[in-house]
Amino acid sequence: MLHFQIGKKVPSEFAKELDKASGERAFCDTQLGALNVYILLDGITKSELKEAAEGLHVIYQDFGIPFLVLKYKSMSFDLPLFSKNEQPVGNALNIYFIELNSYALKHMRLLGIDEKMTSIINAGIESTLGMEKADILQFARKIYATKTPGDMTKGGARQIFKRL
């Protein structure tokens, strides 16, 4: 189990995975029954951190593959959902904001997803079981080429979280 602490560098075994990334990135994984979203930003500002602690729309979209969209007031992140793990995720959504250059954890938020949204997310993840990660990411790139950020937030199942 990895241990994260705000203001500290992420665990070394996790940093090795981040080393493979370049530029600003967002990705998710499913571990220990939770859905974890990692958002890597270059030069995270105080206003971005403040916004990350405020209202959030969590949106599930299906564009042939499932996507999770995190929509804040002025920023959004869309991530293809998949897992090699057949264990369903529970109702925990962990969101980590990580400084790209130092790999320091700047903000973490744990949210409880309602039962209906959890069921929808699990069905979406289940639809990708057996697919290769590379194939899912290639399909996601095709979606990104045809959808604007606004398109990614229209419709879909959603859950709204108010300010902390």
C-alpha atoms as a PDB file:
ATOM      1  CA  MET A   1       0.000   0.000   0.000  1.00  0.00           C
ATOM      2  CA  LEU A   2       1.329   3.420  -0.941  1.00  0.00           C
ATOM      3  CA  HIS A   3       1.428   6.226   1.614  1.00  0.00           C
ATOM      4  CA  PHE A   4       0.879   9.777   0.345  1.00  0.00           C
ATOM      5  CA  GLN A   5       1.366  12.931   2.404  1.00  0.00           C
ATOM      6  CA  ILE A   6       0.501  16.472   1.317  1.00  0.00           C
ATOM      7  CA  GLY A   7       3.604  18.591   0.803  1.00  0.00           C
ATOM      8  CA  LYS A   8       5.845  15.531   0.429  1.00  0.00           C
ATOM      9  CA  LYS A   9       7.110  13.734  -2.666  1.00  0.00           C
ATOM     10  CA  VAL A  10       4.994  10.757  -3.720  1.00  0.00           C
ATOM     11  CA  PRO A  11       6.369   7.315  -2.784  1.00  0.00           C
ATOM     12  CA  SER A  12       9.389   6.297  -4.874  1.00  0.00           C
ATOM     13  CA  GLU A  13       7.688   3.252  -6.390  1.00  0.00           C
ATOM     14  CA  PHE A  14       4.866   5.515  -7.613  1.00  0.00           C
ATOM     15  CA  ALA A  15       7.343   8.183  -8.820  1.00  0.00           C
ATOM     16  CA  LYS A  16       8.853   5.553 -11.139  1.00  0.00           C
ATOM     17  CA  GLU A  17       5.484   5.286 -12.865  1.00  0.00           C
ATOM     18  CA  LEU A  18       5.269   9.069 -13.149  1.00  0.00           C
ATOM     19  CA  ASP A  19       8.725   9.190 -14.745  1.00  0.00           C
ATOM     20  CA  LYS A  20       7.206   7.505 -17.778  1.00  0.00           C
ATOM     21  CA  ALA A  21       4.830  10.472 -18.230  1.00  0.00           C
ATOM     22  CA  SER A  22       5.771  13.689 -19.968  1.00  0.00           C
ATOM     23  CA  GLY A  23       3.911  16.980 -19.894  1.00  0.00           C
ATOM     24  CA  GLU A  24       0.710  17.557 -17.984  1.00  0.00           C
ATOM     25  CA  ARG A  25      -1.198  14.338 -17.438  1.00  0.00           C
ATOM     26  CA  ALA A  26      -4.190  12.892 -15.713  1.00  0.00           C
ATOM     27  CA  PHE A  27      -4.828   9.196 -15.262  1.00  0.00           C
ATOM     28  CA  CYS A  28      -6.708   6.846 -12.998  1.00  0.00           C
ATOM     29  CA  ASP A  29      -6.378   3.411 -11.520  1.00  0.00           C
ATOM     30  CA  THR A  30      -8.392   1.108  -9.334  1.00  0.00           C
ATOM     31  CA  GLN A  31      -6.699  -0.196  -6.223  1.00  0.00           C
ATOM     32  CA  LEU A  32      -7.992  -1.551  -2.956  1.00  0.00           C
ATOM     33  CA  GLY A  33     -11.581  -1.074  -4.085  1.00  0.00           C
ATOM     34  CA  ALA A  34     -11.196   2.660  -4.766  1.00  0.00           C
ATOM     35  CA  LEU A  35     -11.064   4.738  -7.918  1.00  0.00           C
ATOM     36  CA  ASN A  36      -7.931   6.913  -7.823  1.00  0.00           C
ATOM     37  CA  VAL A  37      -7.374   9.909 -10.086  1.00  0.00           C
ATOM     38  CA  TYR A  38      -3.899  11.426 -10.387  1.00  0.00           C
ATOM     39  CA  ILE A  39      -3.627  14.882 -11.905  1.00  0.00           C
ATOM     40  CA  LEU A  40      -0.101  16.057 -12.714  1.00  0.00           C
ATOM     41  CA  LEU A  41       0.278  19.763 -13.381  1.00  0.00           C
ATOM     42  CA  ASP A  42       3.335  21.859 -14.082  1.00  0.00           C
ATOM     43  CA  GLY A  43       3.491  24.742 -11.598  1.00  0.00           C
ATOM     44  CA  ILE A  44       0.255  24.204  -9.673  1.00  0.00           C
ATOM     45  CA  THR A  45      -1.028  27.617  -8.609  1.00  0.00           C
ATOM     46  CA  LYS A  46      -2.763  28.610  -5.381  1.00  0.00           C
ATOM     47  CA  SER A  47      -5.903  29.403  -7.371  1.00  0.00           C
ATOM     48  CA  GLU A  48      -5.904  25.890  -8.901  1.00  0.00           C
ATOM     49  CA  LEU A  49      -5.519  24.365  -5.444  1.00  0.00           C
ATOM     50  CA  LYS A  50      -8.340  26.536  -4.118  1.00  0.00           C
ATOM     51  CA  GLU A  51     -10.540  25.509  -7.037  1.00  0.00           C
ATOM     52  CA  ALA A  52      -9.708  21.825  -6.441  1.00  0.00           C
ATOM     53  CA  ALA A  53     -11.139  22.166  -2.919  1.00  0.00           C
ATOM     54  CA  GLU A  54     -14.365  23.734  -4.165  1.00  0.00           C
ATOM     55  CA  GLY A  55     -17.296  22.441  -6.188  1.00  0.00           C
ATOM     56  CA  LEU A  56     -16.825  19.536  -8.564  1.00  0.00           C
ATOM     57  CA  HIS A  57     -18.966  17.683 -11.082  1.00  0.00           C
ATOM     58  CA  VAL A  58     -17.992  14.035 -11.536  1.00  0.00           C
ATOM     59  CA  ILE A  59     -19.346  12.937 -14.903  1.00  0.00           C
ATOM     60  CA  TYR A  60     -19.435   9.471 -16.447  1.00  0.00           C
ATOM     61  CA  GLN A  61     -19.508   9.399 -20.245  1.00  0.00           C
ATOM     62  CA  ASP A  62     -19.585   6.472 -22.653  1.00  0.00           C
ATOM     63  CA  PHE A  63     -18.159   7.254 -26.094  1.00  0.00           C
ATOM     64  CA  GLY A  64     -17.540   3.620 -27.031  1.00  0.00           C
ATOM     65  CA  ILE A  65     -15.200   3.400 -24.059  1.00  0.00           C
ATOM     66  CA  PRO A  66     -16.018   4.799 -20.637  1.00  0.00           C
ATOM     67  CA  PHE A  67     -14.642   8.147 -19.492  1.00  0.00           C
ATOM     68  CA  LEU A  68     -14.601   9.836 -16.113  1.00  0.00           C
ATOM     69  CA  VAL A  69     -14.703  13.622 -16.352  1.00  0.00           C
ATOM     70  CA  LEU A  70     -13.844  15.867 -13.408  1.00  0.00           C
ATOM     71  CA  LYS A  71     -15.302  19.327 -14.070  1.00  0.00           C
ATOM     72  CA  TYR A  72     -14.271  22.181 -11.817  1.00  0.00           C
ATOM     73  CA  LYS A  73     -15.221  25.843 -12.261  1.00  0.00           C
ATOM     74  CA  SER A  74     -12.494  26.663 -14.813  1.00  0.00           C
ATOM     75  CA  MET A  75     -10.695  23.375 -15.405  1.00  0.00           C
ATOM     76  CA  SER A  76     -11.679  19.865 -16.360  1.00  0.00           C
ATOM     77  CA  PHE A  77      -9.950  16.525 -16.725  1.00  0.00           C
ATOM     78  CA  ASP A  78     -11.251  13.595 -18.743  1.00  0.00           C
ATOM     79  CA  LEU A  79      -9.849  10.133 -18.280  1.00  0.00           C
ATOM     80  CA  PRO A  80     -10.585   6.851 -20.008  1.00  0.00           C
ATOM     81  CA  LEU A  81     -11.707   4.271 -17.459  1.00  0.00           C
ATOM     82  CA  PHE A  82     -10.298   0.768 -17.480  1.00  0.00           C
ATOM     83  CA  SER A  83      -8.880  -1.794 -15.140  1.00  0.00           C
ATOM     84  CA  LYS A  84      -7.079  -5.109 -15.299  1.00  0.00           C
ATOM     85  CA  ASN A  85      -8.606  -5.803 -11.902  1.00  0.00           C
ATOM     86  CA  GLU A  86     -11.938  -7.617 -11.946  1.00  0.00           C
ATOM     87  CA  GLN A  87     -12.729  -6.411  -8.433  1.00  0.00           C
ATOM     88  CA  PRO A  88     -15.417  -3.709  -8.587  1.00  0.00           C
ATOM     89  CA  VAL A  89     -14.626  -0.304  -7.180  1.00  0.00           C
ATOM     90  CA  GLY A  90     -16.391   0.834  -4.046  1.00  0.00           C
ATOM     91  CA  ASN A  91     -17.764   4.279  -3.455  1.00  0.00           C
ATOM     92  CA  ALA A  92     -14.397   5.982  -2.770  1.00  0.00           C
ATOM     93  CA  LEU A  93     -12.979   8.442  -5.286  1.00  0.00           C
ATOM     94  CA  ASN A  94      -9.513   9.718  -4.381  1.00  0.00           C
ATOM     95  CA  ILE A  95      -8.203  12.714  -6.322  1.00  0.00           C
ATOM     96  CA  TYR A  96      -4.505  13.584  -6.092  1.00  0.00           C
ATOM     97  CA  PHE A  97      -3.018  16.830  -7.447  1.00  0.00           C
ATOM     98  CA  ILE A  98       0.705  16.284  -7.996  1.00  0.00           C
ATOM     99  CA  GLU A  99       3.341  18.846  -8.991  1.00  0.00           C
ATOM    100  CA  LEU A 100       4.837  17.566 -12.244  1.00  0.00           C
ATOM    101  CA  ASN A 101       8.446  18.675 -11.686  1.00  0.00           C
ATOM    102  CA  SER A 102       8.934  17.652  -8.059  1.00  0.00           C
ATOM    103  CA  TYR A 103       6.254  14.950  -7.756  1.00  0.00           C
ATOM    104  CA  ALA A 104       5.116  16.603  -4.551  1.00  0.00           C
ATOM    105  CA  LEU A 105       1.524  15.940  -3.551  1.00  0.00           C
ATOM    106  CA  LYS A 106      -0.175  19.344  -3.401  1.00  0.00           C
ATOM    107  CA  HIS A 107      -3.787  18.396  -2.727  1.00  0.00           C
ATOM    108  CA  MET A 108      -5.776  15.259  -2.041  1.00  0.00           C
ATOM    109  CA  ARG A 109      -9.510  14.852  -1.848  1.00  0.00           C
ATOM    110  CA  LEU A 110     -11.530  11.798  -0.881  1.00  0.00           C
ATOM    111  CA  LEU A 111     -15.119  11.777  -2.106  1.00  0.00           C
ATOM    112  CA  GLY A 112     -17.934   9.331  -1.567  1.00  0.00           C
ATOM    113  CA  ILE A 113     -19.632   8.406  -4.817  1.00  0.00           C
ATOM    114  CA  ASP A 114     -23.296   7.485  -4.516  1.00  0.00           C
ATOM    115  CA  GLU A 115     -24.473   3.937  -5.157  1.00  0.00           C
ATOM    116  CA  LYS A 116     -26.008   4.664  -8.573  1.00  0.00           C
ATOM    117  CA  MET A 117     -22.851   6.350  -9.901  1.00  0.00           C
ATOM    118  CA  THR A 118     -20.654   3.587  -8.459  1.00  0.00           C
ATOM    119  CA  SER A 119     -22.771   1.011 -10.302  1.00  0.00           C
ATOM    120  CA  ILE A 120     -22.490   2.943 -13.581  1.00  0.00           C
ATOM    121  CA  ILE A 121     -18.699   3.309 -13.212  1.00  0.00           C
ATOM    122  CA  ASN A 122     -18.299  -0.395 -12.436  1.00  0.00           C
ATOM    123  CA  ALA A 123     -20.351  -1.366 -15.491  1.00  0.00           C
ATOM    124  CA  GLY A 124     -18.160   0.879 -17.643  1.00  0.00           C
ATOM    125  CA  ILE A 125     -14.942  -0.549 -16.242  1.00  0.00           C
ATOM    126  CA  GLU A 126     -16.307  -4.089 -16.660  1.00  0.00           C
ATOM    127  CA  SER A 127     -16.907  -3.374 -20.361  1.00  0.00           C
ATOM    128  CA  THR A 128     -13.150  -2.855 -20.809  1.00  0.00           C
ATOM    129  CA  LEU A 129     -11.990  -6.037 -19.087  1.00  0.00           C
ATOM    130  CA  GLY A 130      -9.909  -8.057 -21.493  1.00  0.00           C
ATOM    131  CA  MET A 131      -8.987  -5.021 -23.577  1.00  0.00           C
ATOM    132  CA  GLU A 132      -5.363  -3.945 -23.739  1.00  0.00           C
ATOM    133  CA  LYS A 133      -4.469  -0.595 -22.180  1.00  0.00           C
ATOM    134  CA  ALA A 134      -2.766   0.519 -25.406  1.00  0.00           C
ATOM    135  CA  ASP A 135      -5.943  -0.175 -27.413  1.00  0.00           C
ATOM    136  CA  ILE A 136      -8.090   1.776 -24.952  1.00  0.00           C
ATOM    137  CA  LEU A 137      -5.700   4.735 -25.024  1.00  0.00           C
ATOM    138  CA  GLN A 138      -5.587   4.678 -28.827  1.00  0.00           C
ATOM    139  CA  PHE A 139      -9.396   4.716 -28.938  1.00  0.00           C
ATOM    140  CA  ALA A 140      -9.387   7.569 -26.381  1.00  0.00           C
ATOM    141  CA  ARG A 141      -7.080   9.621 -28.642  1.00  0.00           C
ATOM    142  CA  LYS A 142      -9.645   9.247 -31.449  1.00  0.00           C
ATOM    143  CA  ILE A 143     -12.357  10.511 -29.096  1.00  0.00           C
ATOM    144  CA  TYR A 144     -10.197  13.484 -28.054  1.00  0.00           C
ATOM    145  CA  ALA A 145      -9.716  14.350 -31.735  1.00  0.00           C
ATOM    146  CA  THR A 146     -13.482  14.594 -32.292  1.00  0.00           C
ATOM    147  CA  LYS A 147     -14.730  16.003 -28.969  1.00  0.00           C
ATOM    148  CA  THR A 148     -14.109  19.406 -27.452  1.00  0.00           C
ATOM    149  CA  PRO A 149     -13.644  19.749 -23.684  1.00  0.00           C
ATOM    150  CA  GLY A 150     -17.205  21.126 -23.622  1.00  0.00           C
ATOM    151  CA  ASP A 151     -18.504  18.028 -25.438  1.00  0.00           C
ATOM    152  CA  MET A 152     -16.902  15.839 -22.776  1.00  0.00           C
ATOM    153  CA  THR A 153     -18.970  17.521 -20.046  1.00  0.00           C
ATOM    154  CA  LYS A 154     -22.355  17.501 -21.806  1.00  0.00           C
ATOM    155  CA  GLY A 155     -24.849  14.864 -20.727  1.00  0.00           C
ATOM    156  CA  GLY A 156     -23.725  11.679 -19.054  1.00  0.00           C
ATOM    157  CA  ALA A 157     -24.377  10.491 -15.523  1.00  0.00           C
ATOM    158  CA  ARG A 158     -23.160  12.954 -12.949  1.00  0.00           C
ATOM    159  CA  GLN A 159     -22.735  13.605  -9.288  1.00  0.00           C
ATOM    160  CA  ILE A 160     -22.152  17.097  -7.920  1.00  0.00           C
ATOM    161  CA  PHE A 161     -19.952  17.780  -4.928  1.00  0.00           C
ATOM    162  CA  LYS A 162     -20.192  21.113  -3.158  1.00  0.00           C
ATOM    163  CA  ARG A 163     -17.372  23.124  -1.631  1.00  0.00           C
ATOM    164  CA  LEU A 164     -15.512  21.486   1.265  1.00  0.00           C
END
